[in-house]
Amino acid sequence: PSSTTATSRRTGPDTANANTNGSTPPTTSRTSPPQHDHDPPPHSRSNAPKPKSVPWDETEVKTFLEEIKGHRLYAAMMLALIAERPAEVCGARWEEDVDLDGAGTIAVQNTRTIVYDRTREKGARNKVVEKDTKTDAGKRVLPLPTPALKALKAFRAIQAAEKLAAGAAYNNSGYVLVDELGNPLKTDKLRREAYKLMKAADVRKVRLYDARHATLSWMANNGVPDTVVSAWAGHSDLSFTKRVYVHPDPQSLKAGSEKLGELLG
């Protein structure tokens, strides 16, 4: 269902973001540093086994998108589901990165993430850091799938109307993911809104990285070459993509069984 966002204005690009349901969230103190916006390291710092997260399957992806269609952040969720990292979604810029009217592409080359800085005074330790993607492979230009292209065009039109309504109060930040006053959303806000949408859509709550996993796994299981999947993900190591991000589905395993049957029978 459609929802709108109201927010308090701040002059800087790293503004706090308001609720999309029109209410102002209460101020809370963070008791622990936020999670970092990068791919998980191959080895955990702890030796204790951690439960493996299970990405969405195809039905869950389709259900989620169908249920949130028309929501203001539909385009943002679409970007997460074309396998962009949260920091990449928040770092995307209309002028520098997005070509909706020509090639229909998005350049993934800029990130905005939250870093916990203990040297800063309490209440201001979460700072936004903007930088290039982590690796040369991370810098990539993705052809936008038609549904994502349409969603971004619709979101651009929504923002044009919001800018007109806000007048001088609008912040021309240039980022794709902004609130109604043009202030860029941060990764923690993106996650919170994603979880609200998952609940509203009545789908299993997963991390945005698991939504990314679901996309890459679906591509691999539906005939997209491993090298293309790895390049799409922004990885320089093909084996890392296959080991961490690609999860065979039952249909693929069944197809493998049938193929093996040709050998054994």
C-alpha atoms as a PDB file:
ATOM      1  CA  PRO A   1       0.000   0.000   0.000  1.00  0.00           C
ATOM      2  CA  SER A   2       1.102   3.539  -0.695  1.00  0.00           C
ATOM      3  CA  SER A   3       2.688   5.484   2.127  1.00  0.00           C
ATOM      4  CA  THR A   4       4.171   8.931   2.466  1.00  0.00           C
ATOM      5  CA  THR A   5       7.076  10.231   4.499  1.00  0.00           C
ATOM      6  CA  ALA A   6       7.174  13.326   6.661  1.00  0.00           C
ATOM      7  CA  THR A   7      10.448  14.443   8.142  1.00  0.00           C
ATOM      8  CA  SER A   8      12.029  17.242  10.080  1.00  0.00           C
ATOM      9  CA  ARG A   9      14.324  19.355   8.000  1.00  0.00           C
ATOM     10  CA  ARG A  10      18.047  19.513   8.489  1.00  0.00           C
ATOM     11  CA  THR A  11      20.416  21.440   6.321  1.00  0.00           C
ATOM     12  CA  GLY A  12      23.163  18.852   5.975  1.00  0.00           C
ATOM     13  CA  PRO A  13      23.084  15.813   3.711  1.00  0.00           C
ATOM     14  CA  ASP A  14      23.331  13.440   6.653  1.00  0.00           C
ATOM     15  CA  THR A  15      19.938  14.263   8.084  1.00  0.00           C
ATOM     16  CA  ALA A  16      17.913  12.006  10.308  1.00  0.00           C
ATOM     17  CA  ASN A  17      15.109  10.440   8.360  1.00  0.00           C
ATOM     18  CA  ALA A  18      11.455  10.437   9.214  1.00  0.00           C
ATOM     19  CA  ASN A  19       8.889   7.673   9.260  1.00  0.00           C
ATOM     20  CA  THR A  20       7.175   6.910   5.979  1.00  0.00           C
ATOM     21  CA  ASN A  21       3.849   6.696   7.827  1.00  0.00           C
ATOM     22  CA  GLY A  22       3.896  10.404   8.530  1.00  0.00           C
ATOM     23  CA  SER A  23       4.882  10.327  12.200  1.00  0.00           C
ATOM     24  CA  THR A  24       8.151  11.447  13.713  1.00  0.00           C
ATOM     25  CA  PRO A  25      10.064   8.581  15.333  1.00  0.00           C
ATOM     26  CA  PRO A  26      11.100   8.945  18.966  1.00  0.00           C
ATOM     27  CA  THR A  27      14.725   9.682  19.653  1.00  0.00           C
ATOM     28  CA  THR A  28      16.560   6.627  20.883  1.00  0.00           C
ATOM     29  CA  SER A  29      20.146   6.041  21.890  1.00  0.00           C
ATOM     30  CA  ARG A  30      22.088   3.309  20.169  1.00  0.00           C
ATOM     31  CA  THR A  31      23.685   0.895  22.572  1.00  0.00           C
ATOM     32  CA  SER A  32      25.909  -0.844  20.093  1.00  0.00           C
ATOM     33  CA  PRO A  33      27.591   0.056  16.805  1.00  0.00           C
ATOM     34  CA  PRO A  34      25.496  -0.542  13.673  1.00  0.00           C
ATOM     35  CA  GLN A  35      26.418  -3.315  11.307  1.00  0.00           C
ATOM     36  CA  HIS A  36      28.820  -2.361   8.555  1.00  0.00           C
ATOM     37  CA  ASP A  37      27.595  -2.095   4.997  1.00  0.00           C
ATOM     38  CA  HIS A  38      29.886  -4.498   3.241  1.00  0.00           C
ATOM     39  CA  ASP A  39      29.930  -8.147   2.287  1.00  0.00           C
ATOM     40  CA  PRO A  40      30.528 -10.412   5.274  1.00  0.00           C
ATOM     41  CA  PRO A  41      34.170 -11.496   5.721  1.00  0.00           C
ATOM     42  CA  PRO A  42      35.049 -15.090   4.832  1.00  0.00           C
ATOM     43  CA  HIS A  43      35.928 -15.830   8.463  1.00  0.00           C
ATOM     44  CA  SER A  44      34.102 -14.636  11.553  1.00  0.00           C
ATOM     45  CA  ARG A  45      36.005 -13.137  14.457  1.00  0.00           C
ATOM     46  CA  SER A  46      34.278 -15.630  16.720  1.00  0.00           C
ATOM     47  CA  ASN A  47      34.772 -19.368  16.538  1.00  0.00           C
ATOM     48  CA  ALA A  48      31.216 -19.962  17.709  1.00  0.00           C
ATOM     49  CA  PRO A  49      29.027 -21.240  14.872  1.00  0.00           C
ATOM     50  CA  LYS A  50      26.403 -18.778  13.733  1.00  0.00           C
ATOM     51  CA  PRO A  51      23.050 -19.814  12.300  1.00  0.00           C
ATOM     52  CA  LYS A  52      23.010 -19.520   8.534  1.00  0.00           C
ATOM     53  CA  SER A  53      20.514 -17.067   7.146  1.00  0.00           C
ATOM     54  CA  VAL A  54      18.219 -18.361   4.436  1.00  0.00           C
ATOM     55  CA  PRO A  55      17.601 -16.026   1.484  1.00  0.00           C
ATOM     56  CA  TRP A  56      14.155 -15.556   0.010  1.00  0.00           C
ATOM     57  CA  ASP A  57      12.985 -17.961  -2.637  1.00  0.00           C
ATOM     58  CA  GLU A  58      11.369 -16.839  -5.886  1.00  0.00           C
ATOM     59  CA  THR A  59       7.848 -16.874  -4.447  1.00  0.00           C
ATOM     60  CA  GLU A  60       8.854 -14.668  -1.528  1.00  0.00           C
ATOM     61  CA  VAL A  61      10.556 -12.139  -3.812  1.00  0.00           C
ATOM     62  CA  LYS A  62       7.516 -11.903  -6.073  1.00  0.00           C
ATOM     63  CA  THR A  63       5.107 -11.685  -3.132  1.00  0.00           C
ATOM     64  CA  PHE A  64       7.123  -8.901  -1.525  1.00  0.00           C
ATOM     65  CA  LEU A  65       7.274  -6.807  -4.685  1.00  0.00           C
ATOM     66  CA  GLU A  66       3.601  -7.312  -5.454  1.00  0.00           C
ATOM     67  CA  GLU A  67       2.509  -6.303  -1.952  1.00  0.00           C
ATOM     68  CA  ILE A  68       4.618  -3.123  -1.787  1.00  0.00           C
ATOM     69  CA  LYS A  69       3.892  -1.926  -5.310  1.00  0.00           C
ATOM     70  CA  GLY A  70       2.824   1.698  -5.088  1.00  0.00           C
ATOM     71  CA  HIS A  71       4.782   2.373  -1.907  1.00  0.00           C
ATOM     72  CA  ARG A  72       7.081   5.374  -2.040  1.00  0.00           C
ATOM     73  CA  LEU A  73      10.150   3.208  -1.391  1.00  0.00           C
ATOM     74  CA  TYR A  74       9.255   0.595  -3.997  1.00  0.00           C
ATOM     75  CA  ALA A  75      12.144   1.731  -6.211  1.00  0.00           C
ATOM     76  CA  ALA A  76      14.603   1.494  -3.318  1.00  0.00           C
ATOM     77  CA  MET A  77      13.526  -2.079  -2.615  1.00  0.00           C
ATOM     78  CA  MET A  78      13.855  -2.826  -6.313  1.00  0.00           C
ATOM     79  CA  LEU A  79      17.473  -1.625  -6.222  1.00  0.00           C
ATOM     80  CA  ALA A  80      18.168  -3.911  -3.268  1.00  0.00           C
ATOM     81  CA  LEU A  81      16.655  -6.767  -5.251  1.00  0.00           C
ATOM     82  CA  ILE A  82      18.875  -6.176  -8.270  1.00  0.00           C
ATOM     83  CA  ALA A  83      21.687  -7.103  -5.870  1.00  0.00           C
ATOM     84  CA  GLU A  84      22.917  -3.681  -4.820  1.00  0.00           C
ATOM     85  CA  ARG A  85      24.391  -3.461  -1.340  1.00  0.00           C
ATOM     86  CA  PRO A  86      22.577  -1.148   1.121  1.00  0.00           C
ATOM     87  CA  ALA A  87      25.446   1.362   1.016  1.00  0.00           C
ATOM     88  CA  GLU A  88      25.311   1.327  -2.792  1.00  0.00           C
ATOM     89  CA  VAL A  89      21.569   1.983  -2.800  1.00  0.00           C
ATOM     90  CA  CYS A  90      22.055   4.945  -0.457  1.00  0.00           C
ATOM     91  CA  GLY A  91      25.002   6.239  -2.480  1.00  0.00           C
ATOM     92  CA  ALA A  92      23.304   6.254  -5.892  1.00  0.00           C
ATOM     93  CA  ARG A  93      23.000   9.709  -7.499  1.00  0.00           C
ATOM     94  CA  TRP A  94      20.638  10.747 -10.266  1.00  0.00           C
ATOM     95  CA  GLU A  95      23.050  12.798 -12.360  1.00  0.00           C
ATOM     96  CA  GLU A  96      26.292  10.877 -11.937  1.00  0.00           C
ATOM     97  CA  ASP A  97      25.026   7.302 -11.818  1.00  0.00           C
ATOM     98  CA  VAL A  98      21.575   6.862 -13.354  1.00  0.00           C
ATOM     99  CA  ASP A  99      20.645   6.957 -17.038  1.00  0.00           C
ATOM    100  CA  LEU A 100      16.912   6.386 -17.345  1.00  0.00           C
ATOM    101  CA  ASP A 101      16.272   8.010 -20.703  1.00  0.00           C
ATOM    102  CA  GLY A 102      19.217   6.708 -22.707  1.00  0.00           C
ATOM    103  CA  ALA A 103      20.956   3.430 -21.995  1.00  0.00           C
ATOM    104  CA  GLY A 104      18.708   2.515 -19.067  1.00  0.00           C
ATOM    105  CA  THR A 105      21.589   1.793 -16.691  1.00  0.00           C
ATOM    106  CA  ILE A 106      22.772   2.477 -13.171  1.00  0.00           C
ATOM    107  CA  ALA A 107      26.455   2.917 -12.381  1.00  0.00           C
ATOM    108  CA  VAL A 108      27.395   1.419  -9.029  1.00  0.00           C
ATOM    109  CA  GLN A 109      30.387   3.470  -7.965  1.00  0.00           C
ATOM    110  CA  ASN A 110      29.486   5.474  -4.867  1.00  0.00           C
ATOM    111  CA  THR A 111      28.576   4.335  -1.349  1.00  0.00           C
ATOM    112  CA  ARG A 112      27.184   6.024   1.748  1.00  0.00           C
ATOM    113  CA  THR A 113      27.560   4.048   4.943  1.00  0.00           C
ATOM    114  CA  ILE A 114      27.458   4.572   8.692  1.00  0.00           C
ATOM    115  CA  VAL A 115      30.677   4.302  10.688  1.00  0.00           C
ATOM    116  CA  TYR A 116      30.755   4.178  14.476  1.00  0.00           C
ATOM    117  CA  ASP A 117      33.363   6.620  15.795  1.00  0.00           C
ATOM    118  CA  ARG A 118      34.137   6.266  19.509  1.00  0.00           C
ATOM    119  CA  THR A 119      36.223   9.440  19.477  1.00  0.00           C
ATOM    120  CA  ARG A 120      33.112  11.551  18.966  1.00  0.00           C
ATOM    121  CA  GLU A 121      30.859  12.603  21.821  1.00  0.00           C
ATOM    122  CA  LYS A 122      27.899  10.451  22.756  1.00  0.00           C
ATOM    123  CA  GLY A 123      24.880  10.986  20.572  1.00  0.00           C
ATOM    124  CA  ALA A 124      27.043  11.834  17.576  1.00  0.00           C
ATOM    125  CA  ARG A 125      29.182   8.728  17.165  1.00  0.00           C
ATOM    126  CA  ASN A 126      27.384   7.435  14.097  1.00  0.00           C
ATOM    127  CA  LYS A 127      28.769   9.358  11.162  1.00  0.00           C
ATOM    128  CA  VAL A 128      28.079   8.956   7.466  1.00  0.00           C
ATOM    129  CA  VAL A 129      31.061   8.162   5.282  1.00  0.00           C
ATOM    130  CA  GLU A 130      30.828   8.535   1.528  1.00  0.00           C
ATOM    131  CA  LYS A 131      33.376   6.901  -0.736  1.00  0.00           C
ATOM    132  CA  ASP A 132      33.945   4.861  -3.868  1.00  0.00           C
ATOM    133  CA  THR A 133      33.031   1.207  -3.967  1.00  0.00           C
ATOM    134  CA  LYS A 134      35.483  -1.129  -2.236  1.00  0.00           C
ATOM    135  CA  THR A 135      37.161  -2.615  -5.303  1.00  0.00           C
ATOM    136  CA  ASP A 136      37.537  -2.024  -9.021  1.00  0.00           C
ATOM    137  CA  ALA A 137      35.186  -4.952  -9.558  1.00  0.00           C
ATOM    138  CA  GLY A 138      32.684  -3.233  -7.288  1.00  0.00           C
ATOM    139  CA  LYS A 139      32.484  -0.366  -9.758  1.00  0.00           C
ATOM    140  CA  ARG A 140      30.073  -1.604 -12.374  1.00  0.00           C
ATOM    141  CA  VAL A 141      27.376  -0.398 -14.724  1.00  0.00           C
ATOM    142  CA  LEU A 142      24.240  -2.515 -14.561  1.00  0.00           C
ATOM    143  CA  PRO A 143      21.606  -2.575 -17.300  1.00  0.00           C
ATOM    144  CA  LEU A 144      18.380  -1.976 -15.407  1.00  0.00           C
ATOM    145  CA  PRO A 145      15.771  -4.733 -15.724  1.00  0.00           C
ATOM    146  CA  THR A 146      12.536  -3.293 -17.113  1.00  0.00           C
ATOM    147  CA  PRO A 147      10.629  -3.390 -13.782  1.00  0.00           C
ATOM    148  CA  ALA A 148      13.488  -1.574 -12.019  1.00  0.00           C
ATOM    149  CA  LEU A 149      13.712   1.008 -14.808  1.00  0.00           C
ATOM    150  CA  LYS A 150       9.976   1.718 -14.548  1.00  0.00           C
ATOM    151  CA  ALA A 151      10.165   1.945 -10.759  1.00  0.00           C
ATOM    152  CA  LEU A 152      12.995   4.480 -10.896  1.00  0.00           C
ATOM    153  CA  LYS A 153      11.188   6.596 -13.484  1.00  0.00           C
ATOM    154  CA  ALA A 154       8.110   6.636 -11.265  1.00  0.00           C
ATOM    155  CA  PHE A 155      10.223   7.547  -8.236  1.00  0.00           C
ATOM    156  CA  ARG A 156      11.867  10.393 -10.126  1.00  0.00           C
ATOM    157  CA  ALA A 157       8.413  11.758 -10.995  1.00  0.00           C
ATOM    158  CA  ILE A 158       7.337  11.478  -7.349  1.00  0.00           C
ATOM    159  CA  GLN A 159      10.398  13.435  -6.276  1.00  0.00           C
ATOM    160  CA  ALA A 160       9.728  16.150  -8.861  1.00  0.00           C
ATOM    161  CA  ALA A 161       6.250  16.651  -7.389  1.00  0.00           C
ATOM    162  CA  GLU A 162       7.642  16.658  -3.852  1.00  0.00           C
ATOM    163  CA  LYS A 163      10.234  19.263  -4.810  1.00  0.00           C
ATOM    164  CA  LEU A 164       7.536  21.491  -6.257  1.00  0.00           C
ATOM    165  CA  ALA A 165       5.418  21.140  -3.123  1.00  0.00           C
ATOM    166  CA  ALA A 166       8.317  21.793  -0.738  1.00  0.00           C
ATOM    167  CA  GLY A 167       9.634  24.859  -2.520  1.00  0.00           C
ATOM    168  CA  ALA A 168      12.622  26.454  -0.802  1.00  0.00           C
ATOM    169  CA  ALA A 169      12.568  23.790   1.918  1.00  0.00           C
ATOM    170  CA  TYR A 170      13.677  21.124  -0.553  1.00  0.00           C
ATOM    171  CA  ASN A 171      17.272  19.889  -0.330  1.00  0.00           C
ATOM    172  CA  ASN A 172      18.665  19.292  -3.819  1.00  0.00           C
ATOM    173  CA  SER A 173      21.029  16.614  -2.560  1.00  0.00           C
ATOM    174  CA  GLY A 174      21.063  14.743  -5.859  1.00  0.00           C
ATOM    175  CA  TYR A 175      20.741  11.293  -4.304  1.00  0.00           C
ATOM    176  CA  VAL A 176      18.242   8.763  -5.582  1.00  0.00           C
ATOM    177  CA  LEU A 177      17.094   7.621  -2.155  1.00  0.00           C
ATOM    178  CA  VAL A 178      15.749  10.690  -0.364  1.00  0.00           C
ATOM    179  CA  ASP A 179      12.778  11.681   1.770  1.00  0.00           C
ATOM    180  CA  GLU A 180      10.077  14.156   0.701  1.00  0.00           C
ATOM    181  CA  LEU A 181      12.350  17.108   1.442  1.00  0.00           C
ATOM    182  CA  GLY A 182      15.229  15.716  -0.597  1.00  0.00           C
ATOM    183  CA  ASN A 183      17.322  14.635   2.380  1.00  0.00           C
ATOM    184  CA  PRO A 184      19.262  11.412   1.713  1.00  0.00           C
ATOM    185  CA  LEU A 185      18.325   8.314   3.675  1.00  0.00           C
ATOM    186  CA  LYS A 186      21.015   6.479   5.591  1.00  0.00           C
ATOM    187  CA  THR A 187      21.553   2.738   5.581  1.00  0.00           C
ATOM    188  CA  ASP A 188      20.034   2.189   9.020  1.00  0.00           C
ATOM    189  CA  LYS A 189      16.871   3.970   7.918  1.00  0.00           C
ATOM    190  CA  LEU A 190      16.773   1.920   4.729  1.00  0.00           C
ATOM    191  CA  ARG A 191      16.936  -1.282   6.742  1.00  0.00           C
ATOM    192  CA  ARG A 192      14.228  -0.224   9.171  1.00  0.00           C
ATOM    193  CA  GLU A 193      11.890   0.722   6.358  1.00  0.00           C
ATOM    194  CA  ALA A 194      12.633  -2.542   4.550  1.00  0.00           C
ATOM    195  CA  TYR A 195      11.710  -4.532   7.656  1.00  0.00           C
ATOM    196  CA  LYS A 196       8.452  -2.594   8.005  1.00  0.00           C
ATOM    197  CA  LEU A 197       7.603  -3.393   4.407  1.00  0.00           C
ATOM    198  CA  MET A 198       8.412  -7.070   4.898  1.00  0.00           C
ATOM    199  CA  LYS A 199       6.034  -7.165   7.848  1.00  0.00           C
ATOM    200  CA  ALA A 200       3.313  -5.349   5.923  1.00  0.00           C
ATOM    201  CA  ALA A 201       3.762  -7.729   2.990  1.00  0.00           C
ATOM    202  CA  ASP A 202       3.585 -10.722   5.358  1.00  0.00           C
ATOM    203  CA  VAL A 203       6.833 -12.213   4.098  1.00  0.00           C
ATOM    204  CA  ARG A 204       9.694 -13.656   6.090  1.00  0.00           C
ATOM    205  CA  LYS A 205      12.005 -11.029   7.569  1.00  0.00           C
ATOM    206  CA  VAL A 206      15.465 -11.238   6.025  1.00  0.00           C
ATOM    207  CA  ARG A 207      18.474  -8.957   5.926  1.00  0.00           C
ATOM    208  CA  LEU A 208      18.824  -6.810   2.834  1.00  0.00           C
ATOM    209  CA  TYR A 209      21.959  -8.825   2.118  1.00  0.00           C
ATOM    210  CA  ASP A 210      19.811 -11.950   2.006  1.00  0.00           C
ATOM    211  CA  ALA A 211      17.585 -10.250  -0.546  1.00  0.00           C
ATOM    212  CA  ARG A 212      20.780  -9.661  -2.521  1.00  0.00           C
ATOM    213  CA  HIS A 213      21.677 -13.335  -2.070  1.00  0.00           C
ATOM    214  CA  ALA A 214      18.257 -14.352  -3.347  1.00  0.00           C
ATOM    215  CA  THR A 215      18.773 -12.394  -6.549  1.00  0.00           C
ATOM    216  CA  LEU A 216      22.239 -13.738  -7.254  1.00  0.00           C
ATOM    217  CA  SER A 217      21.157 -17.279  -6.480  1.00  0.00           C
ATOM    218  CA  TRP A 218      18.132 -16.970  -8.764  1.00  0.00           C
ATOM    219  CA  MET A 219      20.331 -15.715 -11.602  1.00  0.00           C
ATOM    220  CA  ALA A 220      22.763 -18.609 -11.151  1.00  0.00           C
ATOM    221  CA  ASN A 221      19.965 -21.175 -10.989  1.00  0.00           C
ATOM    222  CA  ASN A 222      18.315 -19.845 -14.117  1.00  0.00           C
ATOM    223  CA  GLY A 223      21.156 -20.120 -16.571  1.00  0.00           C
ATOM    224  CA  VAL A 224      23.074 -16.876 -16.073  1.00  0.00           C
ATOM    225  CA  PRO A 225      26.794 -17.752 -16.362  1.00  0.00           C
ATOM    226  CA  ASP A 226      28.796 -17.670 -13.134  1.00  0.00           C
ATOM    227  CA  THR A 227      31.126 -15.016 -14.527  1.00  0.00           C
ATOM    228  CA  VAL A 228      28.156 -12.736 -15.230  1.00  0.00           C
ATOM    229  CA  VAL A 229      26.670 -13.322 -11.773  1.00  0.00           C
ATOM    230  CA  SER A 230      30.010 -12.452 -10.174  1.00  0.00           C
ATOM    231  CA  ALA A 231      30.401  -9.303 -12.267  1.00  0.00           C
ATOM    232  CA  TRP A 232      26.815  -8.280 -11.508  1.00  0.00           C
ATOM    233  CA  ALA A 233      27.487  -8.694  -7.794  1.00  0.00           C
ATOM    234  CA  GLY A 234      30.642  -6.591  -8.010  1.00  0.00           C
ATOM    235  CA  HIS A 235      32.999  -9.367  -6.959  1.00  0.00           C
ATOM    236  CA  SER A 236      36.552  -9.857  -8.165  1.00  0.00           C
ATOM    237  CA  ASP A 237      36.635 -13.452  -6.925  1.00  0.00           C
ATOM    238  CA  LEU A 238      34.329 -15.827  -8.786  1.00  0.00           C
ATOM    239  CA  SER A 239      34.812 -18.570  -6.212  1.00  0.00           C
ATOM    240  CA  PHE A 240      33.650 -16.195  -3.461  1.00  0.00           C
ATOM    241  CA  THR A 241      30.430 -15.511  -5.341  1.00  0.00           C
ATOM    242  CA  LYS A 242      29.745 -19.191  -5.802  1.00  0.00           C
ATOM    243  CA  ARG A 243      30.678 -20.130  -2.236  1.00  0.00           C
ATOM    244  CA  VAL A 244      28.866 -17.386  -0.349  1.00  0.00           C
ATOM    245  CA  TYR A 245      26.084 -16.061  -2.530  1.00  0.00           C
ATOM    246  CA  VAL A 246      24.823 -18.821  -4.766  1.00  0.00           C
ATOM    247  CA  HIS A 247      22.338 -21.229  -3.212  1.00  0.00           C
ATOM    248  CA  PRO A 248      21.025 -24.060  -5.427  1.00  0.00           C
ATOM    249  CA  ASP A 249      17.243 -24.362  -5.294  1.00  0.00           C
ATOM    250  CA  PRO A 250      15.298 -27.673  -5.307  1.00  0.00           C
ATOM    251  CA  GLN A 251      14.446 -27.313  -8.982  1.00  0.00           C
ATOM    252  CA  SER A 252      18.111 -26.982  -9.914  1.00  0.00           C
ATOM    253  CA  LEU A 253      19.011 -29.998  -7.804  1.00  0.00           C
ATOM    254  CA  LYS A 254      16.213 -31.983  -9.434  1.00  0.00           C
ATOM    255  CA  ALA A 255      17.525 -31.024 -12.867  1.00  0.00           C
ATOM    256  CA  GLY A 256      20.959 -32.204 -11.758  1.00  0.00           C
ATOM    257  CA  SER A 257      19.462 -35.485 -10.610  1.00  0.00           C
ATOM    258  CA  GLU A 258      17.756 -36.001 -13.943  1.00  0.00           C
ATOM    259  CA  LYS A 259      20.978 -35.266 -15.797  1.00  0.00           C
ATOM    260  CA  LEU A 260      22.881 -37.696 -13.572  1.00  0.00           C
ATOM    261  CA  GLY A 261      20.217 -40.300 -14.278  1.00  0.00           C
ATOM    262  CA  GLU A 262      21.245 -40.204 -17.932  1.00  0.00           C
ATOM    263  CA  LEU A 263      24.683 -41.382 -16.861  1.00  0.00           C
ATOM    264  CA  LEU A 264      23.517 -44.001 -14.395  1.00  0.00           C
ATOM    265  CA  GLY A 265      20.638 -45.470 -16.365  1.00  0.00           C
END
